[in-house]
């Protein structure tokens, strides 16, 4: 599972790089891939409900930030919320 988590963390960094390079098309594609990787790596059925709720909130925050075109906020959420969450599972 560690390899899987490393892939997620690498994807997060790639997305952040895409944001700073303003490669939004690639960023959107990588966000989709990130969500797929998370769903493949994390067994939500075995995760405590409070952790699932936290993950859902993080993903909702990313979605809202993208809808608002606040890509700096997307980057911050990825770094300070999602990455921390993944590291502490």
Protein backbone atom coordinates (compact mmCIF):
# COMPACT_ATOMS: atom_id res chain seq x y z
CA UNK A 1 0.00 0.00 0.00
CA UNK A 2 2.97 2.30 0.55
CA UNK A 3 3.71 2.31 -3.19
CA UNK A 4 0.10 3.23 -3.79
CA UNK A 5 0.31 6.14 -1.35
CA UNK A 6 3.53 7.29 -3.02
CA UNK A 7 1.70 7.38 -6.35
CA UNK A 8 -1.02 9.53 -4.82
CA UNK A 9 1.52 11.92 -3.30
CA UNK A 10 3.36 12.16 -6.61
CA UNK A 11 0.10 12.87 -8.42
CA UNK A 12 -0.64 15.64 -5.92
CA UNK A 13 2.74 17.23 -6.62
CA UNK A 14 2.18 16.93 -10.38
CA UNK A 15 -1.17 18.67 -10.08
CA UNK A 16 0.38 21.45 -8.03
CA UNK A 17 3.12 21.87 -10.63
CA UNK A 18 0.49 22.03 -13.38
CA UNK A 19 -1.35 24.75 -11.47
CA UNK A 20 1.78 26.87 -11.09
CA UNK A 21 2.64 26.34 -14.77
CA UNK A 22 -1.00 27.17 -15.60
CA UNK A 23 -1.44 23.91 -17.51
CA UNK A 24 -5.09 23.67 -16.58
CA UNK A 25 -6.09 21.03 -19.10
CA UNK A 26 -3.43 18.68 -17.75
CA UNK A 27 -4.34 19.67 -14.19
CA UNK A 28 -7.99 18.69 -14.73
CA UNK A 29 -6.94 15.37 -16.22
CA UNK A 30 -4.60 14.72 -13.30
CA UNK A 31 -7.32 15.54 -10.76
CA UNK A 32 -9.53 12.91 -12.39
CA UNK A 33 -6.65 10.43 -12.27
CA UNK A 34 -5.96 11.32 -8.65
CA UNK A 35 -9.51 10.50 -7.63
CA UNK A 36 -9.29 7.16 -9.43
CA UNK A 37 -6.00 6.36 -7.72
CA UNK A 38 -7.45 7.22 -4.34
CA UNK A 39 -10.43 4.98 -4.94
CA UNK A 40 -8.14 2.15 -6.06
CA UNK A 41 -5.76 2.54 -3.12
CA UNK A 42 -8.06 3.22 -0.22
CA UNK A 43 -10.63 0.72 0.91
CA UNK A 44 -13.42 2.99 2.08
CA UNK A 45 -15.40 0.08 3.49
CA UNK A 46 -12.65 -0.64 5.99
CA UNK A 47 -12.01 2.98 6.84
CA UNK A 48 -13.77 4.44 9.90
CA UNK A 49 -16.77 6.57 9.02
CA UNK A 50 -15.23 9.76 10.41
CA UNK A 51 -12.20 9.32 8.11
CA UNK A 52 -14.48 8.76 5.12
CA UNK A 53 -16.32 11.97 6.01
CA UNK A 54 -13.03 13.87 6.18
CA UNK A 55 -11.98 12.54 2.77
CA UNK A 56 -15.34 13.46 1.29
CA UNK A 57 -15.07 16.98 2.70
CA UNK A 58 -11.58 17.39 1.23
CA UNK A 59 -12.78 16.22 -2.19
CA UNK A 60 -15.79 18.55 -2.01
CA UNK A 61 -13.49 21.45 -1.17
CA UNK A 62 -11.34 20.65 -4.20
CA UNK A 63 -14.44 20.51 -6.38
CA UNK A 64 -15.77 23.84 -5.10
CA UNK A 65 -12.37 25.47 -5.59
CA UNK A 66 -12.19 24.24 -9.17
CA UNK A 67 -15.71 25.48 -9.87
CA UNK A 68 -14.68 28.89 -8.50
CA UNK A 69 -11.49 28.78 -10.60
CA UNK A 70 -9.47 29.28 -7.43
CA UNK A 71 -6.54 27.12 -8.42
CA UNK A 72 -4.26 28.40 -5.67
CA UNK A 73 -6.81 27.12 -3.18
CA UNK A 74 -6.88 23.77 -5.00
CA UNK A 75 -3.11 23.60 -4.60
CA UNK A 76 -3.31 24.43 -0.90
CA UNK A 77 -6.05 21.87 -0.26
CA UNK A 78 -4.01 19.21 -2.03
CA UNK A 79 -0.90 20.02 -0.04
CA UNK A 80 -2.25 20.80 3.39
CA UNK A 81 -5.39 18.69 3.57
CA UNK A 82 -5.30 15.77 1.15
CA UNK A 83 -1.59 15.01 1.39
CA UNK A 84 -1.70 15.18 5.19
CA UNK A 85 -4.77 12.96 5.22
CA UNK A 86 -3.10 10.37 2.97
CA UNK A 87 0.03 10.36 5.10
CA UNK A 88 -1.98 9.71 8.25
CA UNK A 89 -4.14 6.84 7.05
